[in-house]
C-alpha atoms as a PDB file:
ATOM      1  CA  UNK A   1       0.000   0.000   0.000  1.00  0.00           C
ATOM      2  CA  UNK A   2       2.774   2.413   0.953  1.00  0.00           C
ATOM      3  CA  UNK A   3       4.578   1.667  -2.298  1.00  0.00           C
ATOM      4  CA  UNK A   4       1.426   2.434  -4.293  1.00  0.00           C
ATOM      5  CA  UNK A   5       0.965   5.738  -2.436  1.00  0.00           C
ATOM      6  CA  UNK A   6       4.568   6.687  -3.202  1.00  0.00           C
ATOM      7  CA  UNK A   7       4.037   5.876  -6.856  1.00  0.00           C
ATOM      8  CA  UNK A   8       0.894   8.018  -6.943  1.00  0.00           C
ATOM      9  CA  UNK A   9       2.735  10.843  -5.184  1.00  0.00           C
ATOM     10  CA  UNK A  10       5.581  10.629  -7.680  1.00  0.00           C
ATOM     11  CA  UNK A  11       3.128  10.632 -10.571  1.00  0.00           C
ATOM     12  CA  UNK A  12       1.364  13.688  -9.127  1.00  0.00           C
ATOM     13  CA  UNK A  13       4.663  15.588  -8.838  1.00  0.00           C
ATOM     14  CA  UNK A  14       5.581  14.670 -12.413  1.00  0.00           C
ATOM     15  CA  UNK A  15       2.186  15.822 -13.685  1.00  0.00           C
ATOM     16  CA  UNK A  16       2.439  19.083 -11.760  1.00  0.00           C
ATOM     17  CA  UNK A  17       5.908  19.698 -13.203  1.00  0.00           C
ATOM     18  CA  UNK A  18       4.651  19.104 -16.722  1.00  0.00           C
ATOM     19  CA  UNK A  19       1.763  21.499 -16.173  1.00  0.00           C
ATOM     20  CA  UNK A  20       4.095  24.165 -14.786  1.00  0.00           C
ATOM     21  CA  UNK A  21       6.472  23.714 -17.689  1.00  0.00           C
ATOM     22  CA  UNK A  22       3.584  23.904 -20.125  1.00  0.00           C
ATOM     23  CA  UNK A  23       2.360  27.128 -18.528  1.00  0.00           C
ATOM     24  CA  UNK A  24       5.839  28.627 -18.822  1.00  0.00           C
ATOM     25  CA  UNK A  25       6.084  27.656 -22.475  1.00  0.00           C
ATOM     26  CA  UNK A  26       2.603  29.063 -23.107  1.00  0.00           C
ATOM     27  CA  UNK A  27       3.616  32.345 -21.483  1.00  0.00           C
ATOM     28  CA  UNK A  28       6.715  32.481 -23.642  1.00  0.00           C
ATOM     29  CA  UNK A  29       4.598  31.912 -26.737  1.00  0.00           C
ATOM     30  CA  UNK A  30       2.414  34.950 -25.994  1.00  0.00           C
ATOM     31  CA  UNK A  31       4.114  37.295 -28.403  1.00  0.00           C
ATOM     32  CA  UNK A  32       4.290  41.054 -28.724  1.00  0.00           C
ATOM     33  CA  UNK A  33       6.413  43.502 -30.751  1.00  0.00           C
ATOM     34  CA  UNK A  34       9.752  44.433 -29.198  1.00  0.00           C
ATOM     35  CA  UNK A  35       9.358  47.813 -27.458  1.00  0.00           C
ATOM     36  CA  UNK A  36      12.226  49.383 -29.372  1.00  0.00           C
ATOM     37  CA  UNK A  37      13.147  53.045 -29.062  1.00  0.00           C
ATOM     38  CA  UNK A  38      15.043  54.023 -32.188  1.00  0.00           C
ATOM     39  CA  UNK A  39      17.444  56.966 -32.483  1.00  0.00           C
ATOM     40  CA  UNK A  40      16.851  59.929 -34.762  1.00  0.00           C
ATOM     41  CA  UNK A  41      17.848  59.223 -38.396  1.00  0.00           C
ATOM     42  CA  UNK A  42      21.149  60.959 -39.090  1.00  0.00           C
ATOM     43  CA  UNK A  43      20.908  61.180 -42.885  1.00  0.00           C
ATOM     44  CA  UNK A  44      18.460  60.780 -45.735  1.00  0.00           C
ATOM     45  CA  UNK A  45      18.617  59.740 -49.374  1.00  0.00           C
ATOM     46  CA  UNK A  46      20.482  56.875 -50.999  1.00  0.00           C
ATOM     47  CA  UNK A  47      24.180  56.248 -51.653  1.00  0.00           C
ATOM     48  CA  UNK A  48      25.294  57.058 -55.173  1.00  0.00           C
ATOM     49  CA  UNK A  49      29.009  56.279 -55.255  1.00  0.00           C
ATOM     50  CA  UNK A  50      29.255  52.864 -53.620  1.00  0.00           C
ATOM     51  CA  UNK A  51      29.819  49.712 -55.640  1.00  0.00           C
ATOM     52  CA  UNK A  52      27.762  46.876 -54.210  1.00  0.00           C
ATOM     53  CA  UNK A  53      28.937  43.312 -54.660  1.00  0.00           C
ATOM     54  CA  UNK A  54      26.877  40.132 -54.460  1.00  0.00           C
ATOM     55  CA  UNK A  55      27.503  39.849 -50.711  1.00  0.00           C
ATOM     56  CA  UNK A  56      25.663  43.070 -49.772  1.00  0.00           C
ATOM     57  CA  UNK A  57      21.905  43.105 -49.324  1.00  0.00           C
ATOM     58  CA  UNK A  58      20.115  46.013 -51.028  1.00  0.00           C
ATOM     59  CA  UNK A  59      19.306  49.042 -48.931  1.00  0.00           C
ATOM     60  CA  UNK A  60      15.704  48.801 -47.768  1.00  0.00           C
ATOM     61  CA  UNK A  61      13.408  51.707 -48.619  1.00  0.00           C
ATOM     62  CA  UNK A  62      10.700  50.663 -46.144  1.00  0.00           C
ATOM     63  CA  UNK A  63      10.711  50.554 -42.330  1.00  0.00           C
ATOM     64  CA  UNK A  64      11.570  47.246 -40.707  1.00  0.00           C
ATOM     65  CA  UNK A  65       8.429  45.320 -39.679  1.00  0.00           C
ATOM     66  CA  UNK A  66       7.862  44.793 -35.943  1.00  0.00           C
ATOM     67  CA  UNK A  67       9.772  41.867 -34.455  1.00  0.00           C
ATOM     68  CA  UNK A  68       7.622  39.585 -32.305  1.00  0.00           C
ATOM     69  CA  UNK A  69       9.068  38.091 -29.124  1.00  0.00           C
ATOM     70  CA  UNK A  70       7.582  36.633 -25.914  1.00  0.00           C
ATOM     71  CA  UNK A  71       5.844  39.224 -23.763  1.00  0.00           C
ATOM     72  CA  UNK A  72       8.003  40.503 -20.934  1.00  0.00           C
ATOM     73  CA  UNK A  73      11.361  40.362 -22.707  1.00  0.00           C
ATOM     74  CA  UNK A  74      13.796  43.043 -21.643  1.00  0.00           C
ATOM     75  CA  UNK A  75      17.041  44.517 -22.914  1.00  0.00           C
ATOM     76  CA  UNK A  76      19.299  42.397 -20.721  1.00  0.00           C
ATOM     77  CA  UNK A  77      22.420  44.221 -21.950  1.00  0.00           C
ATOM     78  CA  UNK A  78      21.404  47.592 -20.485  1.00  0.00           C
ATOM     79  CA  UNK A  79      24.162  48.833 -18.191  1.00  0.00           C
ATOM     80  CA  UNK A  80      25.988  45.499 -18.267  1.00  0.00           C
ATOM     81  CA  UNK A  81      29.777  45.081 -18.254  1.00  0.00           C
ATOM     82  CA  UNK A  82      31.535  45.221 -21.626  1.00  0.00           C
ATOM     83  CA  UNK A  83      35.000  43.857 -22.424  1.00  0.00           C
ATOM     84  CA  UNK A  84      36.912  43.925 -25.696  1.00  0.00           C
ATOM     85  CA  UNK A  85      39.816  42.574 -27.704  1.00  0.00           C
ATOM     86  CA  UNK A  86      41.056  46.184 -27.850  1.00  0.00           C
ATOM     87  CA  UNK A  87      42.432  47.160 -24.443  1.00  0.00           C
ATOM     88  CA  UNK A  88      42.942  50.807 -25.394  1.00  0.00           C
ATOM     89  CA  UNK A  89      40.128  52.150 -27.604  1.00  0.00           C
ATOM     90  CA  UNK A  90      40.941  55.105 -29.830  1.00  0.00           C
ATOM     91  CA  UNK A  91      37.846  57.065 -28.847  1.00  0.00           C
ATOM     92  CA  UNK A  92      35.292  56.633 -26.076  1.00  0.00           C
ATOM     93  CA  UNK A  93      34.920  53.928 -23.439  1.00  0.00           C
ATOM     94  CA  UNK A  94      33.455  50.431 -23.532  1.00  0.00           C
ATOM     95  CA  UNK A  95      30.541  51.264 -21.236  1.00  0.00           C
ATOM     96  CA  UNK A  96      29.065  53.327 -24.104  1.00  0.00           C
ATOM     97  CA  UNK A  97      28.117  50.042 -25.815  1.00  0.00           C
ATOM     98  CA  UNK A  98      25.360  49.397 -23.264  1.00  0.00           C
ATOM     99  CA  UNK A  99      24.552  52.871 -21.923  1.00  0.00           C
ATOM    100  CA  UNK A 100      21.312  53.269 -23.870  1.00  0.00           C
ATOM    101  CA  UNK A 101      22.473  56.138 -26.106  1.00  0.00           C
ATOM    102  CA  UNK A 102      21.992  55.136 -29.756  1.00  0.00           C
ATOM    103  CA  UNK A 103      22.150  58.593 -31.301  1.00  0.00           C
ATOM    104  CA  UNK A 104      24.661  59.414 -34.044  1.00  0.00           C
ATOM    105  CA  UNK A 105      26.591  61.787 -31.790  1.00  0.00           C
ATOM    106  CA  UNK A 106      30.326  62.269 -31.275  1.00  0.00           C
ATOM    107  CA  UNK A 107      30.150  61.250 -27.615  1.00  0.00           C
ATOM    108  CA  UNK A 108      27.920  58.172 -28.066  1.00  0.00           C
ATOM    109  CA  UNK A 109      30.363  55.559 -29.407  1.00  0.00           C
ATOM    110  CA  UNK A 110      33.551  53.697 -28.705  1.00  0.00           C
ATOM    111  CA  UNK A 111      36.021  53.269 -31.575  1.00  0.00           C
ATOM    112  CA  UNK A 112      38.417  50.329 -31.698  1.00  0.00           C
ATOM    113  CA  UNK A 113      41.583  49.840 -33.734  1.00  0.00           C
ATOM    114  CA  UNK A 114      41.963  48.284 -37.174  1.00  0.00           C
ATOM    115  CA  UNK A 115      41.569  44.652 -38.180  1.00  0.00           C
ATOM    116  CA  UNK A 116      39.178  42.241 -36.502  1.00  0.00           C
ATOM    117  CA  UNK A 117      38.055  43.407 -33.076  1.00  0.00           C
ATOM    118  CA  UNK A 118      35.293  42.315 -30.732  1.00  0.00           C
ATOM    119  CA  UNK A 119      33.198  43.585 -27.861  1.00  0.00           C
ATOM    120  CA  UNK A 120      31.669  41.206 -25.336  1.00  0.00           C
ATOM    121  CA  UNK A 121      28.703  41.693 -23.016  1.00  0.00           C
ATOM    122  CA  UNK A 122      28.264  39.790 -19.757  1.00  0.00           C
ATOM    123  CA  UNK A 123      24.516  39.523 -19.139  1.00  0.00           C
ATOM    124  CA  UNK A 124      25.198  38.577 -15.517  1.00  0.00           C
ATOM    125  CA  UNK A 125      23.324  35.274 -15.762  1.00  0.00           C
ATOM    126  CA  UNK A 126      22.133  32.767 -18.343  1.00  0.00           C
ATOM    127  CA  UNK A 127      19.204  33.899 -20.448  1.00  0.00           C
ATOM    128  CA  UNK A 128      16.983  32.915 -23.331  1.00  0.00           C
ATOM    129  CA  UNK A 129      17.846  35.420 -26.036  1.00  0.00           C
ATOM    130  CA  UNK A 130      15.337  36.299 -28.723  1.00  0.00           C
ATOM    131  CA  UNK A 131      16.848  39.287 -30.514  1.00  0.00           C
ATOM    132  CA  UNK A 132      20.134  41.183 -30.673  1.00  0.00           C
ATOM    133  CA  UNK A 133      20.352  44.689 -32.135  1.00  0.00           C
ATOM    134  CA  UNK A 134      23.601  46.338 -33.192  1.00  0.00           C
ATOM    135  CA  UNK A 135      24.332  49.962 -33.990  1.00  0.00           C
ATOM    136  CA  UNK A 136      27.924  50.246 -35.227  1.00  0.00           C
ATOM    137  CA  UNK A 137      27.683  53.701 -36.810  1.00  0.00           C
ATOM    138  CA  UNK A 138      24.684  55.266 -38.535  1.00  0.00           C
ATOM    139  CA  UNK A 139      26.171  58.717 -39.095  1.00  0.00           C
ATOM    140  CA  UNK A 140      26.686  58.050 -42.807  1.00  0.00           C
ATOM    141  CA  UNK A 141      26.133  55.292 -45.369  1.00  0.00           C
ATOM    142  CA  UNK A 142      28.524  52.438 -44.729  1.00  0.00           C
ATOM    143  CA  UNK A 143      28.722  48.668 -44.693  1.00  0.00           C
ATOM    144  CA  UNK A 144      30.569  46.918 -41.867  1.00  0.00           C
ATOM    145  CA  UNK A 145      32.651  43.854 -42.682  1.00  0.00           C
ATOM    146  CA  UNK A 146      32.964  40.507 -40.912  1.00  0.00           C
ATOM    147  CA  UNK A 147      30.045  41.070 -38.566  1.00  0.00           C
ATOM    148  CA  UNK A 148      29.909  37.929 -36.440  1.00  0.00           C
ATOM    149  CA  UNK A 149      27.658  37.471 -33.413  1.00  0.00           C
ATOM    150  CA  UNK A 150      28.151  34.589 -30.994  1.00  0.00           C
ATOM    151  CA  UNK A 151      26.699  33.429 -27.664  1.00  0.00           C
ATOM    152  CA  UNK A 152      28.309  31.192 -25.049  1.00  0.00           C
ATOM    153  CA  UNK A 153      28.361  30.335 -21.355  1.00  0.00           C
ATOM    154  CA  UNK A 154      32.160  30.409 -21.546  1.00  0.00           C
ATOM    155  CA  UNK A 155      33.615  33.938 -21.141  1.00  0.00           C
ATOM    156  CA  UNK A 156      36.641  32.879 -23.208  1.00  0.00           C
ATOM    157  CA  UNK A 157      34.471  31.546 -26.054  1.00  0.00           C
ATOM    158  CA  UNK A 158      36.456  28.338 -26.351  1.00  0.00           C
ATOM    159  CA  UNK A 159      33.563  25.941 -25.632  1.00  0.00           C
ATOM    160  CA  UNK A 160      29.845  25.889 -26.283  1.00  0.00           C
ATOM    161  CA  UNK A 161      29.982  28.706 -28.834  1.00  0.00           C
ATOM    162  CA  UNK A 162      26.823  29.308 -30.865  1.00  0.00           C
ATOM    163  CA  UNK A 163      27.109  31.545 -33.915  1.00  0.00           C
ATOM    164  CA  UNK A 164      23.937  33.513 -34.631  1.00  0.00           C
ATOM    165  CA  UNK A 165      25.170  35.675 -37.510  1.00  0.00           C
ATOM    166  CA  UNK A 166      28.231  35.655 -39.763  1.00  0.00           C
ATOM    167  CA  UNK A 167      28.698  37.699 -42.946  1.00  0.00           C
ATOM    168  CA  UNK A 168      32.457  37.069 -43.267  1.00  0.00           C
ATOM    169  CA  UNK A 169      32.124  35.592 -46.752  1.00  0.00           C
ATOM    170  CA  UNK A 170      35.886  35.171 -47.312  1.00  0.00           C
ATOM    171  CA  UNK A 171      36.910  34.062 -43.783  1.00  0.00           C
ATOM    172  CA  UNK A 172      39.213  37.063 -43.400  1.00  0.00           C
ATOM    173  CA  UNK A 173      38.591  37.032 -39.640  1.00  0.00           C
ATOM    174  CA  UNK A 174      39.376  33.326 -39.356  1.00  0.00           C
ATOM    175  CA  UNK A 175      36.135  32.260 -37.671  1.00  0.00           C
ATOM    176  CA  UNK A 176      34.694  30.397 -40.615  1.00  0.00           C
ATOM    177  CA  UNK A 177      32.972  31.392 -43.839  1.00  0.00           C
ATOM    178  CA  UNK A 178      29.642  33.090 -43.184  1.00  0.00           C
ATOM    179  CA  UNK A 179      26.547  32.873 -45.355  1.00  0.00           C
ATOM    180  CA  UNK A 180      24.756  35.994 -44.097  1.00  0.00           C
ATOM    181  CA  UNK A 181      24.769  39.182 -46.158  1.00  0.00           C
ATOM    182  CA  UNK A 182      26.607  42.390 -45.413  1.00  0.00           C
ATOM    183  CA  UNK A 183      24.213  45.284 -44.853  1.00  0.00           C
ATOM    184  CA  UNK A 184      23.952  49.067 -44.696  1.00  0.00           C
ATOM    185  CA  UNK A 185      24.102  50.651 -41.267  1.00  0.00           C
ATOM    186  CA  UNK A 186      21.001  52.642 -40.391  1.00  0.00           C
ATOM    187  CA  UNK A 187      19.247  54.264 -37.449  1.00  0.00           C
ATOM    188  CA  UNK A 188      17.130  51.090 -37.112  1.00  0.00           C
ATOM    189  CA  UNK A 189      20.212  49.039 -36.197  1.00  0.00           C
ATOM    190  CA  UNK A 190      20.776  45.472 -37.358  1.00  0.00           C
ATOM    191  CA  UNK A 191      18.279  43.070 -35.788  1.00  0.00           C
ATOM    192  CA  UNK A 192      19.391  39.465 -35.444  1.00  0.00           C
ATOM    193  CA  UNK A 193      16.811  36.803 -34.654  1.00  0.00           C
ATOM    194  CA  UNK A 194      18.415  34.764 -31.841  1.00  0.00           C
ATOM    195  CA  UNK A 195      15.554  32.227 -31.773  1.00  0.00           C
ATOM    196  CA  UNK A 196      15.612  31.739 -27.999  1.00  0.00           C
ATOM    197  CA  UNK A 197      19.259  30.649 -27.801  1.00  0.00           C
ATOM    198  CA  UNK A 198      20.531  30.245 -24.246  1.00  0.00           C
ATOM    199  CA  UNK A 199      23.742  31.754 -22.899  1.00  0.00           C
ATOM    200  CA  UNK A 200      25.325  34.347 -20.629  1.00  0.00           C
ATOM    201  CA  UNK A 201      27.902  36.069 -22.825  1.00  0.00           C
ATOM    202  CA  UNK A 202      27.395  37.790 -26.189  1.00  0.00           C
ATOM    203  CA  UNK A 203      30.415  38.535 -28.375  1.00  0.00           C
ATOM    204  CA  UNK A 204      30.284  40.722 -31.497  1.00  0.00           C
ATOM    205  CA  UNK A 205      33.076  40.938 -34.086  1.00  0.00           C
ATOM    206  CA  UNK A 206      33.730  43.412 -36.898  1.00  0.00           C
ATOM    207  CA  UNK A 207      36.568  44.304 -39.261  1.00  0.00           C
ATOM    208  CA  UNK A 208      36.134  47.905 -40.331  1.00  0.00           C
ATOM    209  CA  UNK A 209      33.700  49.267 -42.880  1.00  0.00           C
ATOM    210  CA  UNK A 210      33.453  50.848 -46.305  1.00  0.00           C
ATOM    211  CA  UNK A 211      33.876  54.205 -44.533  1.00  0.00           C
ATOM    212  CA  UNK A 212      36.779  53.456 -42.188  1.00  0.00           C
ATOM    213  CA  UNK A 213      39.195  50.684 -41.259  1.00  0.00           C
ATOM    214  CA  UNK A 214      38.371  51.340 -37.597  1.00  0.00           C
ATOM    215  CA  UNK A 215      35.619  49.566 -35.643  1.00  0.00           C
ATOM    216  CA  UNK A 216      32.901  51.693 -34.090  1.00  0.00           C
ATOM    217  CA  UNK A 217      30.222  50.506 -31.664  1.00  0.00           C
ATOM    218  CA  UNK A 218      27.423  52.859 -30.672  1.00  0.00           C
ATOM    219  CA  UNK A 219      25.027  50.474 -28.911  1.00  0.00           C
ATOM    220  CA  UNK A 220      24.105  46.808 -28.537  1.00  0.00           C
ATOM    221  CA  UNK A 221      20.811  45.525 -27.159  1.00  0.00           C
ATOM    222  CA  UNK A 222      20.142  41.918 -26.132  1.00  0.00           C
ATOM    223  CA  UNK A 223      16.439  41.174 -25.734  1.00  0.00           C
ATOM    224  CA  UNK A 224      15.539  38.108 -23.705  1.00  0.00           C
ATOM    225  CA  UNK A 225      14.387  36.530 -20.459  1.00  0.00           C
ATOM    226  CA  UNK A 226      16.692  35.506 -17.582  1.00  0.00           C
ATOM    227  CA  UNK A 227      16.859  31.782 -16.799  1.00  0.00           C
ATOM    228  CA  UNK A 228      16.215  31.325 -13.090  1.00  0.00           C
END
């Protein structure tokens, strides 16, 4: 009799856990547009003197459609610690990457040296990530090269690395050939669908742009839900 009661108790706990998990998944599936606050556009018109190769997506003439994510997602990168491959930035400080200022202003960005550089954000805990937005520089028309976005639980990015975006079509940064397109910087930022990937650290690479060999970062947002 006691054994049967224990079995029933165990079954009840299992059922309750499944129901709780189902409720959590249902809550995550209740979607809403990301509550984005975009900066003021810094320029208008279209570029006339840039040669576009097959690896650059055409400049969109329409606003980006709303991105749907589970209700309650937050910008987990806001105010979080930022580290970088460049220990002595040319202009600005690394905290500007997550300070919330996305405007195309002279005091709103950090500028790193030439060649491939990265910035890394510690979210403080593991999270389910649904979208990452990047503003390198939207002060003029330009296309950034070797934009690679990765997530990991390892701060050194040696294990468990998940690549969410890679437009390094010739492997010049040595992280593998990417199949994503290069794109024009704009006030909307580049939105990357992270599809609920889990991790604590977000690392973003770049290798200069059509405007400058230097690497500028104005703001990065990481929209998700902490894993408790």
